[in-house]
Amino acid sequence: MKRKMTFALAFANRGMMPGELIYGAREDMVRAVTDAGYDYIAMDADLTRFGGIETREEGRLYAKWLKEHEGQYDGVIFSMPIFADENGAVTALQDAGVPILMQAYPDEIGKMDFAHRRDAFCGKFSVTDVFTQYGVPFTVLKPHVVHPLSAAFQQNLRDFAAICRVVNGMKRFNIGCIGARTTAFKTVRFDEITMQKYGINVESMDLSDLFFRVGKLADGDDAVVKRIGELQNYTDFSLVPGRNMTNLAKVSVILDRYIEEYQLDALALRCWNEMEEQLRITPCVLLSYLNDRGITASCEIDMCSALCMRAMSLASGQPSAVLDWNNNYGDEENKVILFHCGPVAQSLMTGKGTVTNHKMFDKTDPGSGWRSNEGRIRPFPATISNCQTKDGRILLYASEGVFTGDPIEKEYFGCAGVCEIPDLQNKLIRLARGGYKHHTAVGVGHMKEILKEAFTTYLHWSWEEID
């Protein structure tokens, strides 16, 4: 997500139309993309008539140019300044391998003479029809025709960039499964082979290996000492005893080594009860720290939530979280308290948290659970989403709401926030009947349509509508 996104630009032509308008479109599109903060590549305008794509020969030329620049662009913007020739277009883009945004110019009242009339409103259907016949996926956004220099197209660009990040980041990546699912939580079961079918490679590490590696680390190891300082700068560890602090740092160092060794883009961790019993810690705050560093990290071996967390982080460019559907908020039917013990990224909270002893574990084994980063989730527009593996498919839902900032009594432990979700009660029924777990992933911003476009058009996950 740190590299500036780059779009390959392509422009349509058709012999009987005023091709001179393509020159202006090239200037408009370059300005639009760069004004939005993105980069671009474009084939030399002198290589085709008016710098557009019309014939199959010109389409093959553009396809060859794309192949030569493979890996340098995140998506393609196919601009239709005039009615497009669908044969050249599909030849050019059928093997693009990235999302394709269809943009068509509007006509202007008063400029409808033959030298200025574009007919791109109609021509866009010609292209999308043939792309559909060929099975080439593409993105169309509202409005149907839009000028590149308009505010509406700036929003189109932001949405398309998010779609590209999700598609390119989710079609092939590595996720770590650290520890086995605890037998008390069948709710987080998943099918590893189904995930592999969708390009998601699972690397499994046993907790015994993690504990062995932790045991080999000396308290004074440079990496451990450095990590203690980093963690103490991250949030408030002032209550944590020294031995527990050192063990937290050691586990954090080993998690980083797993990430490097297996090139992990995300992970899910078994967080109870062995860590509490043997290391006298629970690793919630370490997951919080990883999420703020851009590594999606889920607790309780919830691999499915980790997938949705990664997708929403790619879309928004911000950390996401996995939370329990935990409590009603009084009599407010559309409000719910979403909670977890403390793995929420610090940047999603109202301020620095405080690392405390986990009250649930402390009840039966005092002093065993140092690590809950307690605090409250800040107000923000939110997307809620989760998935499951079922019969060889990944099924996904998403909806939208807002974290309100409504007060939660200080005696309520852990990290929580009040989320208001329209028609919540009916959505909860649909989730229950659909077999979805008591967890949901949350991301910053409203991005349901972005996720739906990325997963259904390009990644072929199954979408379950709960709205």
Protein backbone atom coordinates (compact mmCIF):
# COMPACT_ATOMS: atom_id res chain seq x y z
CA MET A 1 0.00 0.00 0.00
CA LYS A 2 3.07 2.28 0.26
CA ARG A 3 3.77 2.37 -3.51
CA LYS A 4 1.91 5.06 -5.41
CA MET A 5 -0.85 3.38 -7.38
CA THR A 6 -0.39 3.40 -11.14
CA PHE A 7 -3.02 3.09 -13.85
CA ALA A 8 -2.43 2.11 -17.46
CA LEU A 9 -4.43 4.43 -19.70
CA ALA A 10 -6.15 3.32 -22.90
CA PHE A 11 -8.33 5.36 -25.25
CA ALA A 12 -11.04 4.30 -27.67
CA ASN A 13 -11.36 5.28 -31.32
CA ARG A 14 -13.85 4.56 -34.11
CA GLY A 15 -13.24 5.53 -37.73
CA MET A 16 -16.46 7.45 -38.46
CA MET A 17 -16.33 9.49 -35.22
CA PRO A 18 -14.37 12.73 -34.53
CA GLY A 19 -11.09 11.13 -33.48
CA GLU A 20 -9.47 14.50 -32.80
CA LEU A 21 -11.34 14.53 -29.50
CA ILE A 22 -9.04 11.77 -28.24
CA TYR A 23 -6.13 14.21 -27.94
CA GLY A 24 -8.02 16.29 -25.40
CA ALA A 25 -9.09 13.15 -23.57
CA ARG A 26 -5.49 12.08 -23.08
CA GLU A 27 -4.70 15.43 -21.46
CA ASP A 28 -7.85 15.31 -19.33
CA MET A 29 -7.18 11.80 -18.05
CA VAL A 30 -3.54 12.45 -17.18
CA ARG A 31 -4.59 15.52 -15.22
CA ALA A 32 -7.42 13.66 -13.47
CA VAL A 33 -5.22 10.76 -12.39
CA THR A 34 -2.33 12.89 -11.18
CA ASP A 35 -4.65 15.33 -9.38
CA ALA A 36 -6.05 12.35 -7.48
CA GLY A 37 -2.53 11.45 -6.31
CA TYR A 38 -1.97 8.45 -8.57
CA ASP A 39 0.56 7.72 -11.28
CA TYR A 40 -0.03 6.55 -14.87
CA ILE A 41 1.57 4.93 -17.87
CA ALA A 42 0.29 5.40 -21.43
CA MET A 43 1.33 4.03 -24.79
CA ASP A 44 2.89 6.59 -27.14
CA ALA A 45 0.09 8.45 -28.91
CA ASP A 46 2.00 8.36 -32.20
CA LEU A 47 1.74 4.57 -32.44
CA THR A 48 -1.96 4.53 -33.36
CA ARG A 49 -4.37 6.81 -35.20
CA PHE A 50 -5.21 9.76 -32.89
CA GLY A 51 -3.53 7.82 -30.05
CA GLY A 52 -6.60 5.58 -29.67
CA ILE A 53 -7.42 1.90 -30.15
CA GLU A 54 -9.73 0.96 -33.00
CA THR A 55 -8.60 -2.01 -35.05
CA ARG A 56 -7.61 -5.47 -33.90
CA GLU A 57 -4.08 -4.69 -35.03
CA GLU A 58 -4.01 -1.63 -32.76
CA GLY A 59 -5.51 -3.77 -29.99
CA ARG A 60 -2.72 -6.33 -30.35
CA LEU A 61 -0.16 -3.52 -30.27
CA TYR A 62 -1.62 -2.22 -27.02
CA ALA A 63 -1.81 -5.74 -25.53
CA LYS A 64 1.88 -6.24 -26.37
CA TRP A 65 2.70 -2.90 -24.72
CA LEU A 66 0.75 -3.92 -21.60
CA LYS A 67 2.63 -7.21 -21.43
CA GLU A 68 5.94 -5.38 -21.64
CA HIS A 69 4.89 -3.23 -18.66
CA GLU A 70 3.39 -6.06 -16.62
CA GLY A 71 3.76 -5.42 -12.89
CA GLN A 72 4.00 -1.66 -13.37
CA TYR A 73 0.27 -0.94 -13.21
CA ASP A 74 -2.52 -1.79 -10.78
CA GLY A 75 -5.48 -1.32 -13.08
CA VAL A 76 -6.47 -0.09 -16.54
CA ILE A 77 -8.67 2.90 -17.29
CA PHE A 78 -10.35 2.48 -20.66
CA SER A 79 -11.47 5.94 -21.69
CA MET A 80 -14.11 6.38 -24.40
CA PRO A 81 -13.99 9.99 -25.62
CA ILE A 82 -16.17 8.86 -28.56
CA PHE A 83 -18.13 5.76 -29.57
CA ALA A 84 -15.64 2.91 -29.18
CA ASP A 85 -14.77 0.07 -31.52
CA GLU A 86 -15.33 -3.03 -29.40
CA ASN A 87 -13.07 -5.30 -31.50
CA GLY A 88 -9.93 -3.30 -30.83
CA ALA A 89 -10.91 -2.78 -27.20
CA VAL A 90 -11.38 -6.44 -26.31
CA THR A 91 -8.24 -7.45 -28.21
CA ALA A 92 -6.29 -4.86 -26.24
CA LEU A 93 -7.57 -5.72 -22.78
CA GLN A 94 -8.75 -9.34 -22.66
CA ASP A 95 -5.48 -10.43 -21.02
CA ALA A 96 -4.89 -7.35 -18.87
CA GLY A 97 -5.08 -9.41 -15.67
CA VAL A 98 -6.08 -6.43 -13.52
CA PRO A 99 -9.33 -4.52 -12.94
CA ILE A 100 -10.54 -2.39 -15.86
CA LEU A 101 -12.54 0.81 -15.34
CA MET A 102 -14.87 1.79 -18.18
CA GLN A 103 -15.10 5.58 -18.50
CA ALA A 104 -17.21 7.30 -21.17
CA TYR A 105 -17.42 11.01 -21.91
CA PRO A 106 -20.70 12.93 -21.68
CA ASP A 107 -22.00 14.95 -24.59
CA GLU A 108 -22.57 18.67 -24.08
CA ILE A 109 -25.70 20.53 -25.05
CA GLY A 110 -24.66 23.07 -27.68
CA LYS A 111 -21.84 20.83 -28.92
CA MET A 112 -23.85 18.19 -30.72
CA ASP A 113 -22.68 18.90 -34.27
CA PHE A 114 -20.77 16.18 -36.09
CA ALA A 115 -17.36 17.63 -35.12
CA HIS A 116 -18.15 17.46 -31.40
CA ARG A 117 -20.82 14.81 -30.80
CA ARG A 118 -19.27 11.87 -28.97
CA ASP A 119 -22.00 9.16 -28.69
CA ALA A 120 -19.92 7.54 -25.93
CA PHE A 121 -23.10 7.03 -23.88
CA CYS A 122 -24.13 4.46 -26.48
CA GLY A 123 -20.66 3.17 -27.30
CA LYS A 124 -20.00 2.18 -23.70
CA PHE A 125 -22.71 -0.48 -24.02
CA SER A 126 -21.09 -1.76 -27.20
CA VAL A 127 -17.84 -2.38 -25.31
CA THR A 128 -19.36 -3.81 -22.13
CA ASP A 129 -21.54 -6.16 -24.17
CA VAL A 130 -18.59 -7.65 -26.03
CA PHE A 131 -16.42 -7.84 -22.91
CA THR A 132 -19.23 -9.80 -21.26
CA GLN A 133 -19.42 -12.14 -24.27
CA TYR A 134 -15.66 -12.74 -23.99
CA GLY A 135 -15.81 -13.24 -20.22
CA VAL A 136 -13.51 -10.29 -19.53
CA PRO A 137 -14.35 -8.70 -16.14
CA PHE A 138 -14.67 -4.92 -15.92
CA THR A 139 -15.91 -2.20 -13.58
CA VAL A 140 -18.66 0.30 -14.33
CA LEU A 141 -19.50 3.03 -11.85
CA LYS A 142 -22.07 5.81 -11.60
CA PRO A 143 -22.70 8.03 -13.50
CA HIS A 144 -22.85 6.20 -16.82
CA VAL A 145 -20.98 9.02 -18.55
CA VAL A 146 -18.63 11.30 -16.65
CA HIS A 147 -16.02 13.90 -17.52
CA PRO A 148 -12.53 13.08 -16.21
CA LEU A 149 -12.16 16.57 -14.72
CA SER A 150 -15.36 16.36 -12.69
CA ALA A 151 -15.68 15.77 -8.94
CA ALA A 152 -17.72 12.65 -9.73
CA PHE A 153 -14.81 11.10 -11.62
CA GLN A 154 -12.44 11.90 -8.76
CA GLN A 155 -14.69 9.75 -6.57
CA ASN A 156 -14.73 7.08 -9.29
CA LEU A 157 -10.93 7.06 -9.22
CA ARG A 158 -10.80 6.67 -5.43
CA ASP A 159 -13.29 3.82 -5.55
CA PHE A 160 -11.51 2.13 -8.44
CA ALA A 161 -8.16 2.44 -6.68
CA ALA A 162 -9.68 0.71 -3.64
CA ILE A 163 -11.12 -2.05 -5.86
CA CYS A 164 -7.69 -2.57 -7.42
CA ARG A 165 -6.00 -2.78 -4.03
CA VAL A 166 -8.46 -5.41 -2.84
CA VAL A 167 -8.32 -7.48 -6.03
CA ASN A 168 -4.55 -7.39 -6.39
CA GLY A 169 -3.96 -7.92 -2.68
CA MET A 170 -6.45 -10.76 -2.22
CA LYS A 171 -5.99 -12.88 -5.33
CA ARG A 172 -2.78 -14.47 -3.99
CA PHE A 173 -1.29 -14.06 -0.51
CA ASN A 174 0.06 -15.94 2.51
CA ILE A 175 -1.71 -16.20 5.86
CA GLY A 176 -0.26 -17.77 8.98
CA CYS A 177 -2.26 -20.08 11.23
CA ILE A 178 -0.31 -20.05 14.49
CA GLY A 179 -1.63 -22.75 16.76
CA ALA A 180 -4.56 -25.13 16.42
CA ARG A 181 -8.17 -24.10 16.88
CA THR A 182 -9.15 -24.51 20.50
CA THR A 183 -11.76 -27.24 20.73
CA ALA A 184 -14.17 -24.91 22.54
CA PHE A 185 -14.47 -22.75 19.40
CA LYS A 186 -15.83 -24.76 16.50
CA THR A 187 -17.29 -21.45 15.32
CA VAL A 188 -13.92 -20.53 13.77
CA ARG A 189 -13.46 -23.69 11.72
CA PHE A 190 -12.36 -23.18 8.11
CA ASP A 191 -11.46 -25.20 5.03
CA GLU A 192 -7.82 -24.69 4.08
CA ILE A 193 -8.21 -26.34 0.66
CA THR A 194 -11.07 -24.00 -0.23
CA MET A 195 -8.88 -21.04 0.68
CA GLN A 196 -6.11 -22.39 -1.54
CA LYS A 197 -8.58 -22.62 -4.43
CA TYR A 198 -8.99 -18.85 -4.12
CA GLY A 199 -5.24 -18.21 -4.03
CA ILE A 200 -4.93 -17.98 -0.24
CA ASN A 201 -1.96 -20.02 0.97
CA VAL A 202 -2.12 -21.12 4.61
CA GLU A 203 1.13 -21.67 6.53
CA SER A 204 0.62 -23.51 9.85
CA MET A 205 2.89 -23.23 12.89
CA ASP A 206 2.33 -25.11 16.15
CA LEU A 207 2.34 -23.28 19.48
CA SER A 208 4.98 -25.73 20.72
CA ASP A 209 7.36 -24.26 18.14
CA LEU A 210 6.50 -20.71 19.19
CA PHE A 211 7.09 -21.59 22.87
CA PHE A 212 10.38 -23.33 21.98
CA ARG A 213 11.60 -20.26 20.11
CA VAL A 214 10.50 -17.95 22.94
CA GLY A 215 12.41 -20.14 25.41
CA LYS A 216 15.62 -19.83 23.40
CA LEU A 217 15.52 -16.01 23.49
CA ALA A 218 17.55 -14.46 26.28
CA ASP A 219 15.95 -11.67 28.29
CA GLY A 220 18.77 -9.35 27.28
CA ASP A 221 18.65 -10.21 23.57
CA ASP A 222 18.93 -7.02 21.53
CA ALA A 223 15.70 -7.76 19.65
CA VAL A 224 13.81 -8.31 22.91
CA VAL A 225 15.13 -5.14 24.55
CA LYS A 226 14.33 -3.12 21.44
CA ARG A 227 10.81 -4.56 21.23
CA ILE A 228 10.12 -3.74 24.89
CA GLY A 229 10.90 -0.11 24.11
CA GLU A 230 8.74 -0.13 20.98
CA LEU A 231 5.79 -1.64 22.80
CA GLN A 232 6.08 0.78 25.70
CA ASN A 233 6.02 3.66 23.22
CA TYR A 234 2.98 2.14 21.52
CA THR A 235 0.59 2.09 24.49
CA ASP A 236 0.53 2.23 28.30
CA PHE A 237 2.33 -0.77 29.81
CA SER A 238 2.90 0.87 33.19
CA LEU A 239 0.85 -1.75 35.06
CA VAL A 240 2.55 -4.77 33.48
CA PRO A 241 5.08 -6.65 35.68
CA GLY A 242 8.59 -7.00 34.27
CA ARG A 243 8.50 -10.78 33.66
CA ASN A 244 5.21 -10.53 31.75
CA MET A 245 6.51 -7.55 29.76
CA THR A 246 9.58 -9.53 28.71
CA ASN A 247 7.47 -12.52 27.64
CA LEU A 248 5.17 -10.27 25.61
CA ALA A 249 8.20 -8.82 23.83
CA LYS A 250 9.63 -12.27 23.14
CA VAL A 251 6.39 -13.51 21.59
CA SER A 252 6.23 -10.33 19.49
CA VAL A 253 9.77 -10.92 18.21
CA ILE A 254 8.95 -14.52 17.27
CA LEU A 255 5.77 -13.46 15.47
CA ASP A 256 7.88 -11.05 13.41
CA ARG A 257 10.27 -13.87 12.55
CA TYR A 258 7.39 -16.05 11.39
CA ILE A 259 6.17 -13.17 9.23
CA GLU A 260 9.60 -12.80 7.64
CA GLU A 261 10.32 -16.52 7.31
CA TYR A 262 7.00 -17.42 5.69
CA GLN A 263 6.40 -14.04 3.99
CA LEU A 264 3.07 -13.68 5.76
CA ASP A 265 0.63 -10.97 4.77
CA ALA A 266 -1.78 -11.83 7.58
CA LEU A 267 -2.05 -14.19 10.52
CA ALA A 268 -4.42 -15.64 13.09
CA LEU A 269 -3.17 -16.70 16.51
CA ARG A 270 -4.32 -19.18 19.16
CA CYS A 271 -4.48 -16.86 22.15
CA TRP A 272 -5.82 -19.07 24.95
CA ASN A 273 -5.23 -20.99 27.25
CA GLU A 274 -1.62 -22.14 26.82
CA MET A 275 -0.07 -18.66 26.71
CA GLU A 276 -1.84 -17.74 29.92
CA GLU A 277 -0.88 -20.95 31.69
CA GLN A 278 2.75 -21.20 30.54
CA LEU A 279 3.88 -17.67 29.68
CA ARG A 280 1.49 -15.74 31.95
CA ILE A 281 0.42 -13.50 29.09
CA THR A 282 -2.34 -13.09 26.57
CA PRO A 283 -1.16 -11.63 23.25
CA CYS A 284 -4.01 -9.20 22.44
CA VAL A 285 -1.89 -6.05 22.48
CA LEU A 286 0.66 -7.72 20.19
CA LEU A 287 -2.07 -8.20 17.58
CA SER A 288 -3.09 -4.57 18.02
CA TYR A 289 0.53 -3.60 17.36
CA LEU A 290 0.75 -5.78 14.25
CA ASN A 291 -2.46 -4.33 12.78
CA ASP A 292 -1.14 -0.80 13.22
CA ARG A 293 2.03 -1.87 11.40
CA GLY A 294 0.04 -3.08 8.39
CA ILE A 295 0.07 -6.84 9.13
CA THR A 296 -3.50 -8.10 9.48
CA ALA A 297 -3.70 -10.07 12.72
CA SER A 298 -6.73 -11.87 14.14
CA CYS A 299 -7.13 -13.61 17.48
CA GLU A 300 -8.72 -16.98 18.36
CA ILE A 301 -7.51 -18.60 15.12
CA ASP A 302 -10.27 -16.77 13.27
CA MET A 303 -8.83 -17.18 9.79
CA CYS A 304 -12.02 -16.11 8.01
CA SER A 305 -12.19 -12.83 9.91
CA ALA A 306 -8.54 -12.25 9.02
CA LEU A 307 -9.43 -12.51 5.31
CA CYS A 308 -12.08 -9.79 5.63
CA MET A 309 -9.83 -7.67 7.81
CA ARG A 310 -7.14 -7.79 5.13
CA ALA A 311 -9.61 -6.90 2.39
CA MET A 312 -10.94 -3.89 4.28
CA SER A 313 -7.46 -2.69 5.20
CA LEU A 314 -6.48 -2.88 1.54
CA ALA A 315 -9.59 -0.94 0.54
CA SER A 316 -9.31 1.78 3.18
CA GLY A 317 -5.56 2.01 3.69
CA GLN A 318 -6.23 1.82 7.44
CA PRO A 319 -6.15 -0.97 10.02
CA SER A 320 -9.22 -3.12 10.59
CA ALA A 321 -10.33 -5.19 13.57
CA VAL A 322 -12.16 -8.36 14.52
CA LEU A 323 -14.82 -7.88 17.20
CA ASP A 324 -17.50 -9.86 18.98
CA TRP A 325 -21.18 -9.11 18.40
CA ASN A 326 -21.20 -8.74 22.14
CA ASN A 327 -23.96 -6.72 23.82
CA ASN A 328 -27.20 -4.92 23.20
CA TYR A 329 -27.05 -1.18 23.94
CA GLY A 330 -30.02 -0.71 26.21
CA ASP A 331 -33.27 -0.61 24.24
CA GLU A 332 -31.64 0.78 21.06
CA GLU A 333 -32.52 -1.90 18.49
CA ASN A 334 -30.09 -0.59 15.87
CA LYS A 335 -27.14 -0.23 18.24
CA VAL A 336 -24.75 -2.93 19.41
CA ILE A 337 -21.63 -3.01 21.56
CA LEU A 338 -18.83 -4.53 19.48
CA PHE A 339 -15.99 -5.73 21.70
CA HIS A 340 -12.80 -7.68 21.98
CA CYS A 341 -10.37 -8.05 24.83
CA GLY A 342 -7.69 -5.80 23.37
CA PRO A 343 -6.41 -6.60 19.85
CA VAL A 344 -7.91 -3.43 18.28
CA ALA A 345 -5.34 -1.25 16.55
CA GLN A 346 -4.44 1.78 18.68
CA SER A 347 -5.23 4.07 15.73
CA LEU A 348 -8.88 2.93 15.86
CA MET A 349 -9.20 3.92 19.52
CA THR A 350 -10.06 7.24 21.15
CA GLY A 351 -6.60 7.44 22.71
CA LYS A 352 -3.82 5.33 24.13
CA GLY A 353 -5.08 2.20 25.81
CA THR A 354 -3.90 0.69 29.06
CA VAL A 355 -2.56 -2.86 29.14
CA THR A 356 -4.27 -4.68 32.00
CA ASN A 357 -4.60 -8.18 33.36
CA HIS A 358 -7.36 -10.03 31.49
CA LYS A 359 -10.26 -10.15 33.91
CA MET A 360 -11.70 -13.40 32.53
CA PHE A 361 -8.46 -15.36 33.00
CA ASP A 362 -7.66 -13.58 36.24
CA LYS A 363 -10.88 -14.93 37.72
CA THR A 364 -9.63 -18.52 37.75
CA ASP A 365 -5.85 -18.06 37.43
CA PRO A 366 -4.78 -14.72 38.95
CA GLY A 367 -1.97 -12.91 37.15
CA SER A 368 -2.10 -15.08 34.02
CA GLY A 369 -3.43 -12.65 31.45
CA TRP A 370 -1.30 -9.54 31.12
CA ARG A 371 -2.01 -8.01 27.73
CA SER A 372 -5.56 -6.61 27.29
CA ASN A 373 -5.17 -3.18 25.70
CA GLU A 374 -8.23 -1.60 27.25
CA GLY A 375 -9.91 1.48 25.82
CA ARG A 376 -12.75 2.61 23.57
CA ILE A 377 -13.21 2.61 19.81
CA ARG A 378 -13.35 6.07 18.27
CA PRO A 379 -16.29 7.29 16.16
CA PHE A 380 -16.00 6.57 12.43
CA PRO A 381 -18.16 5.38 9.51
CA ALA A 382 -17.68 1.62 9.41
CA THR A 383 -18.09 -1.40 7.20
CA ILE A 384 -18.86 -4.73 8.87
CA SER A 385 -17.98 -7.92 7.04
CA ASN A 386 -17.13 -11.57 7.49
CA CYS A 387 -16.96 -14.78 5.51
CA GLN A 388 -17.06 -18.54 5.84
CA THR A 389 -15.81 -21.51 3.84
CA LYS A 390 -18.66 -23.82 2.83
CA ASP A 391 -18.91 -26.61 0.26
CA GLY A 392 -15.78 -25.46 -1.56
CA ARG A 393 -16.81 -21.79 -1.69
CA ILE A 394 -16.01 -18.67 0.29
CA LEU A 395 -19.24 -16.87 1.24
CA LEU A 396 -18.98 -13.20 2.18
CA TYR A 397 -21.28 -10.53 3.56
CA ALA A 398 -20.83 -6.81 4.15
CA SER A 399 -22.96 -4.02 5.51
CA GLU A 400 -22.38 -0.50 6.80
CA GLY A 401 -22.88 1.45 10.00
CA VAL A 402 -21.16 3.98 12.21
CA PHE A 403 -19.30 3.87 15.51
CA THR A 404 -21.15 6.54 17.46
CA GLY A 405 -18.96 7.39 20.42
CA ASP A 406 -21.86 6.65 22.78
CA PRO A 407 -20.59 6.10 26.33
CA ILE A 408 -19.82 2.67 27.73
CA GLU A 409 -19.38 2.48 31.50
CA LYS A 410 -15.76 2.47 32.66
CA GLU A 411 -16.24 -0.85 34.48
CA TYR A 412 -16.74 -2.59 31.10
CA PHE A 413 -13.36 -4.24 30.47
CA GLY A 414 -11.58 -4.63 27.15
CA CYS A 415 -11.82 -2.50 24.02
CA ALA A 416 -15.32 -1.73 22.77
CA GLY A 417 -17.46 0.74 20.89
CA VAL A 418 -21.12 1.33 20.15
CA CYS A 419 -21.96 0.73 16.49
CA GLU A 420 -25.24 1.85 14.93
CA ILE A 421 -26.35 -0.31 12.01
CA PRO A 422 -29.62 0.31 10.14
CA ASP A 423 -32.14 -2.55 10.34
CA LEU A 424 -29.79 -4.38 12.69
CA GLN A 425 -32.31 -6.86 14.06
CA ASN A 426 -33.17 -8.29 10.64
CA LYS A 427 -29.50 -8.45 9.73
CA LEU A 428 -28.73 -10.42 12.88
CA ILE A 429 -31.42 -12.93 11.95
CA ARG A 430 -29.91 -13.34 8.47
CA LEU A 431 -26.43 -13.84 9.95
CA ALA A 432 -27.73 -16.43 12.41
CA ARG A 433 -29.60 -18.39 9.73
CA GLY A 434 -26.61 -18.12 7.41
CA GLY A 435 -24.32 -19.82 9.92
CA TYR A 436 -22.00 -16.85 10.49
CA LYS A 437 -19.90 -16.66 13.63
CA HIS A 438 -20.12 -14.37 16.64
CA HIS A 439 -17.23 -12.34 15.25
CA THR A 440 -17.38 -9.63 12.61
CA ALA A 441 -14.55 -7.70 11.03
CA VAL A 442 -14.83 -3.91 10.93
CA GLY A 443 -13.07 -1.40 8.71
CA VAL A 444 -12.90 2.36 8.50
CA GLY A 445 -15.22 3.92 5.92
CA HIS A 446 -18.20 2.79 3.90
CA MET A 447 -16.90 0.31 1.36
CA LYS A 448 -19.59 -2.34 0.91
CA GLU A 449 -19.91 -1.66 -2.82
CA ILE A 450 -16.12 -1.67 -3.25
CA LEU A 451 -15.89 -5.09 -1.59
CA LYS A 452 -18.83 -6.40 -3.58
CA GLU A 453 -17.30 -5.28 -6.87
CA ALA A 454 -13.86 -6.69 -6.05
CA PHE A 455 -15.06 -10.04 -4.76
CA THR A 456 -17.90 -10.79 -7.17
CA THR A 457 -16.56 -9.33 -10.43
CA TYR A 458 -12.90 -10.30 -10.13
CA LEU A 459 -12.26 -12.74 -7.27
CA HIS A 460 -15.43 -14.88 -7.66
CA TRP A 461 -16.31 -15.21 -3.99
CA SER A 462 -19.98 -15.86 -3.24
CA TRP A 463 -21.82 -12.79 -1.95
CA GLU A 464 -24.56 -13.04 0.66
CA GLU A 465 -26.80 -9.98 0.86
CA ILE A 466 -27.93 -9.14 4.40
CA ASP A 467 -29.13 -5.57 3.79
